Full PDB file with SEQRES, HELIX, SHEET, SSBOND, CRYST1, ORIGX, SCALE, CONECT and MASTER records, all heavy atoms in Angstrom:
SEQRES   1 A   34  GLN SER ASN LEU THR SER PRO SER GLY THR CYS PRO SER          
SEQRES   2 A   34  LEU ASP GLN LEU SER LEU ASN HIS ALA ALA PRO GLY SER          
SEQRES   3 A   34  SER VAL ILE ASP PHE ALA ARG SER                              
HELIX    1 AA1 LEU A   14  HIS A   21  1                                   8    
CRYST1    1.000    1.000    1.000  90.00  90.00  90.00 P 1           1          
ORIGX1      1.000000  0.000000  0.000000        0.00000                         
ORIGX2      0.000000  1.000000  0.000000        0.00000                         
ORIGX3      0.000000  0.000000  1.000000        0.00000                         
SCALE1      1.000000  0.000000  0.000000        0.00000                         
SCALE2      0.000000  1.000000  0.000000        0.00000                         
SCALE3      0.000000  0.000000  1.000000        0.00000                         
ATOM      1  N   GLN A   1       0.827  -1.209   0.000  1.00  0.00           N  
ATOM      2  CA  GLN A   1       0.000   0.000   0.000  1.00  0.00           C  
ATOM      3  C   GLN A   1       0.864   1.264   0.000  1.00  0.00           C  
ATOM      4  O   GLN A   1       0.484   2.280  -0.572  1.00  0.00           O  
ATOM      5  CB  GLN A   1      -0.907  -0.001   1.233  1.00  0.00           C  
ATOM      6  CG  GLN A   1      -1.974  -1.082   1.220  1.00  0.00           C  
ATOM      7  CD  GLN A   1      -2.982  -0.902   0.112  1.00  0.00           C  
ATOM      8  OE1 GLN A   1      -3.436  -1.871  -0.467  1.00  0.00           O  
ATOM      9  NE2 GLN A   1      -3.351   0.312  -0.200  1.00  0.00           N  
ATOM     10  N   SER A   2       2.024   1.201   0.626  1.00  0.00           N  
ATOM     11  CA  SER A   2       2.893   2.383   0.661  1.00  0.00           C  
ATOM     12  C   SER A   2       3.468   2.705  -0.709  1.00  0.00           C  
ATOM     13  O   SER A   2       3.907   3.835  -0.945  1.00  0.00           O  
ATOM     14  CB  SER A   2       4.035   2.158   1.652  1.00  0.00           C  
ATOM     15  OG  SER A   2       4.885   1.117   1.196  1.00  0.00           O  
ATOM     16  N   ASN A   3       3.460   1.728  -1.634  1.00  0.00           N  
ATOM     17  CA  ASN A   3       3.960   1.967  -2.984  1.00  0.00           C  
ATOM     18  C   ASN A   3       2.892   2.494  -3.927  1.00  0.00           C  
ATOM     19  O   ASN A   3       3.195   2.807  -5.079  1.00  0.00           O  
ATOM     20  CB  ASN A   3       4.538   0.673  -3.563  1.00  0.00           C  
ATOM     21  CG  ASN A   3       5.803   0.255  -2.852  1.00  0.00           C  
ATOM     22  OD1 ASN A   3       6.528   1.085  -2.306  1.00  0.00           O  
ATOM     23  ND2 ASN A   3       6.074  -1.042  -2.846  1.00  0.00           N  
ATOM     24  N   LEU A   4       1.640   2.526  -3.454  1.00  0.00           N  
ATOM     25  CA  LEU A   4       0.548   3.062  -4.269  1.00  0.00           C  
ATOM     26  C   LEU A   4       0.389   4.541  -3.972  1.00  0.00           C  
ATOM     27  O   LEU A   4       0.304   4.940  -2.812  1.00  0.00           O  
ATOM     28  CB  LEU A   4      -0.761   2.318  -3.989  1.00  0.00           C  
ATOM     29  CG  LEU A   4      -0.786   0.832  -4.367  1.00  0.00           C  
ATOM     30  CD1 LEU A   4      -2.129   0.234  -3.987  1.00  0.00           C  
ATOM     31  CD2 LEU A   4      -0.521   0.636  -5.849  1.00  0.00           C  
ATOM     32  N   THR A   5       0.315   5.347  -4.975  1.00  0.00           N  
ATOM     33  CA  THR A   5       0.184   6.788  -4.806  1.00  0.00           C  
ATOM     34  C   THR A   5      -1.278   7.176  -4.803  1.00  0.00           C  
ATOM     35  O   THR A   5      -2.042   6.807  -5.700  1.00  0.00           O  
ATOM     36  CB  THR A   5       0.906   7.524  -5.938  1.00  0.00           C  
ATOM     37  OG1 THR A   5       2.265   7.104  -5.959  1.00  0.00           O  
ATOM     38  CG2 THR A   5       0.844   9.022  -5.726  1.00  0.00           C  
ATOM     39  N   SER A   6      -1.687   7.928  -3.786  1.00  0.00           N  
ATOM     40  CA  SER A   6      -3.067   8.397  -3.697  1.00  0.00           C  
ATOM     41  C   SER A   6      -3.277   9.541  -4.679  1.00  0.00           C  
ATOM     42  O   SER A   6      -2.325  10.134  -5.183  1.00  0.00           O  
ATOM     43  CB  SER A   6      -3.354   8.861  -2.272  1.00  0.00           C  
ATOM     44  OG  SER A   6      -2.585   9.999  -1.974  1.00  0.00           O  
ATOM     45  N   PRO A   7      -4.554   9.927  -4.996  1.00  0.00           N  
ATOM     46  CA  PRO A   7      -4.822  11.030  -5.919  1.00  0.00           C  
ATOM     47  C   PRO A   7      -4.171  12.334  -5.505  1.00  0.00           C  
ATOM     48  O   PRO A   7      -3.843  13.164  -6.343  1.00  0.00           O  
ATOM     49  CB  PRO A   7      -6.351  11.129  -5.909  1.00  0.00           C  
ATOM     50  CG  PRO A   7      -6.809   9.764  -5.537  1.00  0.00           C  
ATOM     51  CD  PRO A   7      -5.774   9.252  -4.583  1.00  0.00           C  
ATOM     52  N   SER A   8      -3.952  12.546  -4.231  1.00  0.00           N  
ATOM     53  CA  SER A   8      -3.351  13.787  -3.768  1.00  0.00           C  
ATOM     54  C   SER A   8      -1.841  13.786  -3.900  1.00  0.00           C  
ATOM     55  O   SER A   8      -1.185  14.775  -3.583  1.00  0.00           O  
ATOM     56  CB  SER A   8      -3.730  14.026  -2.295  1.00  0.00           C  
ATOM     57  OG  SER A   8      -3.241  12.968  -1.496  1.00  0.00           O  
ATOM     58  N   GLY A   9      -1.295  12.649  -4.359  1.00  0.00           N  
ATOM     59  CA  GLY A   9       0.139  12.582  -4.560  1.00  0.00           C  
ATOM     60  C   GLY A   9       0.890  12.008  -3.399  1.00  0.00           C  
ATOM     61  O   GLY A   9       2.108  11.940  -3.426  1.00  0.00           O  
ATOM     62  N   THR A  10       0.205  11.604  -2.343  1.00  0.00           N  
ATOM     63  CA  THR A  10       0.841  11.014  -1.182  1.00  0.00           C  
ATOM     64  C   THR A  10       0.500   9.547  -1.112  1.00  0.00           C  
ATOM     65  O   THR A  10      -0.444   9.079  -1.738  1.00  0.00           O  
ATOM     66  CB  THR A  10       0.383  11.711   0.109  1.00  0.00           C  
ATOM     67  OG1 THR A  10      -1.035  11.564   0.227  1.00  0.00           O  
ATOM     68  CG2 THR A  10       0.757  13.179   0.074  1.00  0.00           C  
ATOM     69  N   CYS A  11       1.238   8.830  -0.328  1.00  0.00           N  
ATOM     70  CA  CYS A  11       1.029   7.391  -0.173  1.00  0.00           C  
ATOM     71  C   CYS A  11       0.281   7.142   1.119  1.00  0.00           C  
ATOM     72  O   CYS A  11       0.848   7.328   2.200  1.00  0.00           O  
ATOM     73  CB  CYS A  11       2.363   6.646  -0.160  1.00  0.00           C  
ATOM     74  SG  CYS A  11       3.270   6.804  -1.718  1.00  0.00           S  
ATOM     75  N   PRO A  12      -0.982   6.744   1.058  1.00  0.00           N  
ATOM     76  CA  PRO A  12      -1.739   6.533   2.283  1.00  0.00           C  
ATOM     77  C   PRO A  12      -1.271   5.289   3.002  1.00  0.00           C  
ATOM     78  O   PRO A  12      -0.855   4.319   2.380  1.00  0.00           O  
ATOM     79  CB  PRO A  12      -3.180   6.369   1.781  1.00  0.00           C  
ATOM     80  CG  PRO A  12      -3.018   5.805   0.406  1.00  0.00           C  
ATOM     81  CD  PRO A  12      -1.767   6.414  -0.151  1.00  0.00           C  
ATOM     82  N   SER A  13      -1.329   5.322   4.304  1.00  0.00           N  
ATOM     83  CA  SER A  13      -0.985   4.147   5.103  1.00  0.00           C  
ATOM     84  C   SER A  13      -2.160   3.203   5.156  1.00  0.00           C  
ATOM     85  O   SER A  13      -3.286   3.561   4.805  1.00  0.00           O  
ATOM     86  CB  SER A  13      -0.596   4.566   6.527  1.00  0.00           C  
ATOM     87  OG  SER A  13      -1.741   5.072   7.197  1.00  0.00           O  
ATOM     88  N   LEU A  14      -1.888   2.001   5.603  1.00  0.00           N  
ATOM     89  CA  LEU A  14      -2.956   1.009   5.708  1.00  0.00           C  
ATOM     90  C   LEU A  14      -4.002   1.436   6.716  1.00  0.00           C  
ATOM     91  O   LEU A  14      -5.195   1.240   6.507  1.00  0.00           O  
ATOM     92  CB  LEU A  14      -2.349  -0.343   6.110  1.00  0.00           C  
ATOM     93  CG  LEU A  14      -3.213  -1.571   5.897  1.00  0.00           C  
ATOM     94  CD1 LEU A  14      -3.539  -1.717   4.415  1.00  0.00           C  
ATOM     95  CD2 LEU A  14      -2.490  -2.804   6.379  1.00  0.00           C  
ATOM     96  N   ASP A  15      -3.568   2.061   7.820  1.00  0.00           N  
ATOM     97  CA  ASP A  15      -4.526   2.515   8.824  1.00  0.00           C  
ATOM     98  C   ASP A  15      -5.400   3.632   8.275  1.00  0.00           C  
ATOM     99  O   ASP A  15      -6.591   3.705   8.565  1.00  0.00           O  
ATOM    100  CB  ASP A  15      -3.786   2.993  10.073  1.00  0.00           C  
ATOM    101  CG  ASP A  15      -3.059   1.863  10.759  1.00  0.00           C  
ATOM    102  OD1 ASP A  15      -3.535   0.720  10.635  1.00  0.00           O  
ATOM    103  OD2 ASP A  15      -2.021   2.120  11.393  1.00  0.00           O  
ATOM    104  N   GLN A  16      -4.804   4.521   7.449  1.00  0.00           N  
ATOM    105  CA  GLN A  16      -5.599   5.588   6.860  1.00  0.00           C  
ATOM    106  C   GLN A  16      -6.635   5.033   5.902  1.00  0.00           C  
ATOM    107  O   GLN A  16      -7.773   5.489   5.855  1.00  0.00           O  
ATOM    108  CB  GLN A  16      -4.679   6.564   6.124  1.00  0.00           C  
ATOM    109  CG  GLN A  16      -3.799   7.408   7.045  1.00  0.00           C  
ATOM    110  CD  GLN A  16      -2.784   8.208   6.267  1.00  0.00           C  
ATOM    111  OE1 GLN A  16      -2.416   7.849   5.151  1.00  0.00           O  
ATOM    112  NE2 GLN A  16      -2.323   9.299   6.863  1.00  0.00           N  
ATOM    113  N   LEU A  17      -6.234   4.013   5.119  1.00  0.00           N  
ATOM    114  CA  LEU A  17      -7.198   3.395   4.216  1.00  0.00           C  
ATOM    115  C   LEU A  17      -8.345   2.775   4.992  1.00  0.00           C  
ATOM    116  O   LEU A  17      -9.506   2.857   4.594  1.00  0.00           O  
ATOM    117  CB  LEU A  17      -6.501   2.327   3.364  1.00  0.00           C  
ATOM    118  CG  LEU A  17      -5.583   2.855   2.252  1.00  0.00           C  
ATOM    119  CD1 LEU A  17      -4.812   1.696   1.640  1.00  0.00           C  
ATOM    120  CD2 LEU A  17      -6.374   3.595   1.190  1.00  0.00           C  
ATOM    121  N   SER A  18      -8.037   2.164   6.122  1.00  0.00           N  
ATOM    122  CA  SER A  18      -9.081   1.547   6.935  1.00  0.00           C  
ATOM    123  C   SER A  18     -10.043   2.599   7.456  1.00  0.00           C  
ATOM    124  O   SER A  18     -11.261   2.415   7.454  1.00  0.00           O  
ATOM    125  CB  SER A  18      -8.447   0.784   8.099  1.00  0.00           C  
ATOM    126  OG  SER A  18      -7.577  -0.206   7.615  1.00  0.00           O  
ATOM    127  N   LEU A  19      -9.509   3.739   7.910  1.00  0.00           N  
ATOM    128  CA  LEU A  19     -10.370   4.779   8.470  1.00  0.00           C  
ATOM    129  C   LEU A  19     -11.206   5.443   7.391  1.00  0.00           C  
ATOM    130  O   LEU A  19     -12.347   5.832   7.617  1.00  0.00           O  
ATOM    131  CB  LEU A  19      -9.504   5.827   9.185  1.00  0.00           C  
ATOM    132  CG  LEU A  19      -8.798   5.332  10.459  1.00  0.00           C  
ATOM    133  CD1 LEU A  19      -7.867   6.415  10.986  1.00  0.00           C  
ATOM    134  CD2 LEU A  19      -9.816   4.957  11.520  1.00  0.00           C  
ATOM    135  N   ASN A  20     -10.636   5.579   6.173  1.00  0.00           N  
ATOM    136  CA  ASN A  20     -11.355   6.282   5.116  1.00  0.00           C  
ATOM    137  C   ASN A  20     -12.481   5.451   4.521  1.00  0.00           C  
ATOM    138  O   ASN A  20     -13.455   6.003   4.019  1.00  0.00           O  
ATOM    139  CB  ASN A  20     -10.373   6.670   4.000  1.00  0.00           C  
ATOM    140  CG  ASN A  20      -9.402   7.729   4.457  1.00  0.00           C  
ATOM    141  OD1 ASN A  20      -9.695   8.468   5.392  1.00  0.00           O  
ATOM    142  ND2 ASN A  20      -8.244   7.803   3.814  1.00  0.00           N  
ATOM    143  N   HIS A  21     -12.324   4.141   4.550  1.00  0.00           N  
ATOM    144  CA  HIS A  21     -13.296   3.292   3.852  1.00  0.00           C  
ATOM    145  C   HIS A  21     -14.186   2.500   4.791  1.00  0.00           C  
ATOM    146  O   HIS A  21     -15.189   1.964   4.367  1.00  0.00           O  
ATOM    147  CB  HIS A  21     -12.566   2.316   2.918  1.00  0.00           C  
ATOM    148  CG  HIS A  21     -11.888   2.987   1.772  1.00  0.00           C  
ATOM    149  ND1 HIS A  21     -10.656   3.587   1.894  1.00  0.00           N  
ATOM    150  CD2 HIS A  21     -12.272   3.174   0.480  1.00  0.00           C  
ATOM    151  CE1 HIS A  21     -10.277   4.097   0.725  1.00  0.00           C  
ATOM    152  NE2 HIS A  21     -11.249   3.860  -0.144  1.00  0.00           N  
ATOM    153  N   ALA A  22     -13.826   2.386   6.026  1.00  0.00           N  
ATOM    154  CA  ALA A  22     -14.626   1.584   6.948  1.00  0.00           C  
ATOM    155  C   ALA A  22     -15.578   2.473   7.723  1.00  0.00           C  
ATOM    156  O   ALA A  22     -15.324   3.643   7.954  1.00  0.00           O  
ATOM    157  CB  ALA A  22     -13.706   0.837   7.916  1.00  0.00           C  
ATOM    158  N   ALA A  23     -16.676   1.897   8.121  1.00  0.00           N  
ATOM    159  CA  ALA A  23     -17.666   2.641   8.896  1.00  0.00           C  
ATOM    160  C   ALA A  23     -17.144   2.897  10.298  1.00  0.00           C  
ATOM    161  O   ALA A  23     -16.283   2.179  10.798  1.00  0.00           O  
ATOM    162  CB  ALA A  23     -18.977   1.856   8.951  1.00  0.00           C  
ATOM    163  N   PRO A  24     -17.639   3.939  10.951  1.00  0.00           N  
ATOM    164  CA  PRO A  24     -17.179   4.226  12.310  1.00  0.00           C  
ATOM    165  C   PRO A  24     -17.431   3.044  13.235  1.00  0.00           C  
ATOM    166  O   PRO A  24     -18.478   2.410  13.193  1.00  0.00           O  
ATOM    167  CB  PRO A  24     -18.028   5.447  12.698  1.00  0.00           C  
ATOM    168  CG  PRO A  24     -18.425   6.066  11.399  1.00  0.00           C  
ATOM    169  CD  PRO A  24     -18.580   4.941  10.443  1.00  0.00           C  
ATOM    170  N   GLY A  25     -16.433   2.766  14.051  1.00  0.00           N  
ATOM    171  CA  GLY A  25     -16.588   1.689  15.026  1.00  0.00           C  
ATOM    172  C   GLY A  25     -16.490   0.305  14.439  1.00  0.00           C  
ATOM    173  O   GLY A  25     -16.904  -0.660  15.056  1.00  0.00           O  
ATOM    174  N   SER A  26     -15.945   0.185  13.200  1.00  0.00           N  
ATOM    175  CA  SER A  26     -15.881  -1.130  12.555  1.00  0.00           C  
ATOM    176  C   SER A  26     -14.544  -1.800  12.804  1.00  0.00           C  
ATOM    177  O   SER A  26     -13.913  -2.310  11.905  1.00  0.00           O  
ATOM    178  CB  SER A  26     -16.117  -0.983  11.045  1.00  0.00           C  
ATOM    179  OG  SER A  26     -15.137  -0.126  10.489  1.00  0.00           O  
ATOM    180  N   SER A  27     -14.088  -1.781  14.032  1.00  0.00           N  
ATOM    181  CA  SER A  27     -12.831  -2.445  14.364  1.00  0.00           C  
ATOM    182  C   SER A  27     -12.978  -3.950  14.346  1.00  0.00           C  
ATOM    183  O   SER A  27     -12.009  -4.675  14.325  1.00  0.00           O  
ATOM    184  CB  SER A  27     -12.347  -1.993  15.751  1.00  0.00           C  
ATOM    185  OG  SER A  27     -13.327  -2.294  16.725  1.00  0.00           O  
ATOM    186  N   VAL A  28     -14.205  -4.409  14.392  1.00  0.00           N  
ATOM    187  CA  VAL A  28     -14.475  -5.828  14.182  1.00  0.00           C  
ATOM    188  C   VAL A  28     -15.342  -5.963  12.947  1.00  0.00           C  
ATOM    189  O   VAL A  28     -15.657  -4.999  12.285  1.00  0.00           O  
ATOM    190  CB  VAL A  28     -15.190  -6.462  15.405  1.00  0.00           C  
ATOM    191  CG1 VAL A  28     -14.219  -6.780  16.500  1.00  0.00           C  
ATOM    192  CG2 VAL A  28     -16.285  -5.570  15.902  1.00  0.00           C  
ATOM    193  N   ILE A  29     -15.739  -7.177  12.652  1.00  0.00           N  
ATOM    194  CA  ILE A  29     -16.378  -7.466  11.383  1.00  0.00           C  
ATOM    195  C   ILE A  29     -17.740  -6.808  11.282  1.00  0.00           C  
ATOM    196  O   ILE A  29     -18.512  -6.766  12.238  1.00  0.00           O  
ATOM    197  CB  ILE A  29     -16.503  -8.991  11.206  1.00  0.00           C  
ATOM    198  CG1 ILE A  29     -15.095  -9.589  11.140  1.00  0.00           C  
ATOM    199  CG2 ILE A  29     -17.282  -9.362   9.988  1.00  0.00           C  
ATOM    200  CD1 ILE A  29     -15.069 -11.064  11.096  1.00  0.00           C  
ATOM    201  N   ASP A  30     -18.038  -6.315  10.088  1.00  0.00           N  
ATOM    202  CA  ASP A  30     -19.372  -5.794   9.795  1.00  0.00           C  
ATOM    203  C   ASP A  30     -20.288  -6.998   9.582  1.00  0.00           C  
ATOM    204  O   ASP A  30     -20.282  -7.620   8.531  1.00  0.00           O  
ATOM    205  CB  ASP A  30     -19.318  -4.918   8.534  1.00  0.00           C  
ATOM    206  CG  ASP A  30     -20.668  -4.301   8.205  1.00  0.00           C  
ATOM    207  OD1 ASP A  30     -21.656  -4.641   8.880  1.00  0.00           O  
ATOM    208  OD2 ASP A  30     -20.736  -3.484   7.268  1.00  0.00           O  
ATOM    209  N   PHE A  31     -21.076  -7.322  10.600  1.00  0.00           N  
ATOM    210  CA  PHE A  31     -21.886  -8.544  10.541  1.00  0.00           C  
ATOM    211  C   PHE A  31     -22.943  -8.484   9.449  1.00  0.00           C  
ATOM    212  O   PHE A  31     -23.295  -9.488   8.861  1.00  0.00           O  
ATOM    213  CB  PHE A  31     -22.540  -8.801  11.894  1.00  0.00           C  
ATOM    214  CG  PHE A  31     -21.559  -9.226  12.940  1.00  0.00           C  
ATOM    215  CD1 PHE A  31     -20.954  -8.298  13.769  1.00  0.00           C  
ATOM    216  CD2 PHE A  31     -21.215 -10.543  13.090  1.00  0.00           C  
ATOM    217  CE1 PHE A  31     -20.034  -8.680  14.725  1.00  0.00           C  
ATOM    218  CE2 PHE A  31     -20.292 -10.947  14.046  1.00  0.00           C  
ATOM    219  CZ  PHE A  31     -19.702 -10.009  14.860  1.00  0.00           C  
ATOM    220  N   ALA A  32     -23.452  -7.297   9.158  1.00  0.00           N  
ATOM    221  CA  ALA A  32     -24.467  -7.190   8.109  1.00  0.00           C  
ATOM    222  C   ALA A  32     -23.871  -7.556   6.749  1.00  0.00           C  
ATOM    223  O   ALA A  32     -24.481  -8.250   5.949  1.00  0.00           O  
ATOM    224  CB  ALA A  32     -25.033  -5.777   8.078  1.00  0.00           C  
ATOM    225  N   ARG A  33     -22.634  -7.084   6.501  1.00  0.00           N  
ATOM    226  CA  ARG A  33     -21.987  -7.376   5.230  1.00  0.00           C  
ATOM    227  C   ARG A  33     -21.565  -8.833   5.145  1.00  0.00           C  
ATOM    228  O   ARG A  33     -21.406  -9.386   4.062  1.00  0.00           O  
ATOM    229  CB  ARG A  33     -20.764  -6.461   5.067  1.00  0.00           C  
ATOM    230  CG  ARG A  33     -20.081  -6.579   3.737  1.00  0.00           C  
ATOM    231  CD  ARG A  33     -19.066  -5.449   3.557  1.00  0.00           C  
ATOM    232  NE  ARG A  33     -18.123  -5.412   4.656  1.00  0.00           N  
ATOM    233  CZ  ARG A  33     -17.057  -6.193   4.735  1.00  0.00           C  
ATOM    234  NH1 ARG A  33     -16.822  -7.080   3.793  1.00  0.00           N  
ATOM    235  NH2 ARG A  33     -16.215  -6.107   5.756  1.00  0.00           N  
ATOM    236  N   SER A  34     -21.358  -9.488   6.273  1.00  0.00           N  
ATOM    237  CA  SER A  34     -20.916 -10.885   6.282  1.00  0.00           C  
ATOM    238  C   SER A  34     -22.075 -11.869   6.343  1.00  0.00           C  
ATOM    239  O   SER A  34     -21.861 -13.052   6.496  1.00  0.00           O  
ATOM    240  CB  SER A  34     -19.985 -11.120   7.477  1.00  0.00           C  
ATOM    241  OG  SER A  34     -18.901 -10.226   7.448  1.00  0.00           O  
TER     242      SER A  34                                                      
MASTER        0    0    0    1    0    0    0    6  241    1    0    3          
END                                                                             
């Protein structure tokens, strides 16, 4: 993930990707999606 360049020109971290795409409080599995 660090080798992938984001649209803003920076390399997002894995934790940032998790926060940007996951719903709030989804530190465990989204049971509805599973």
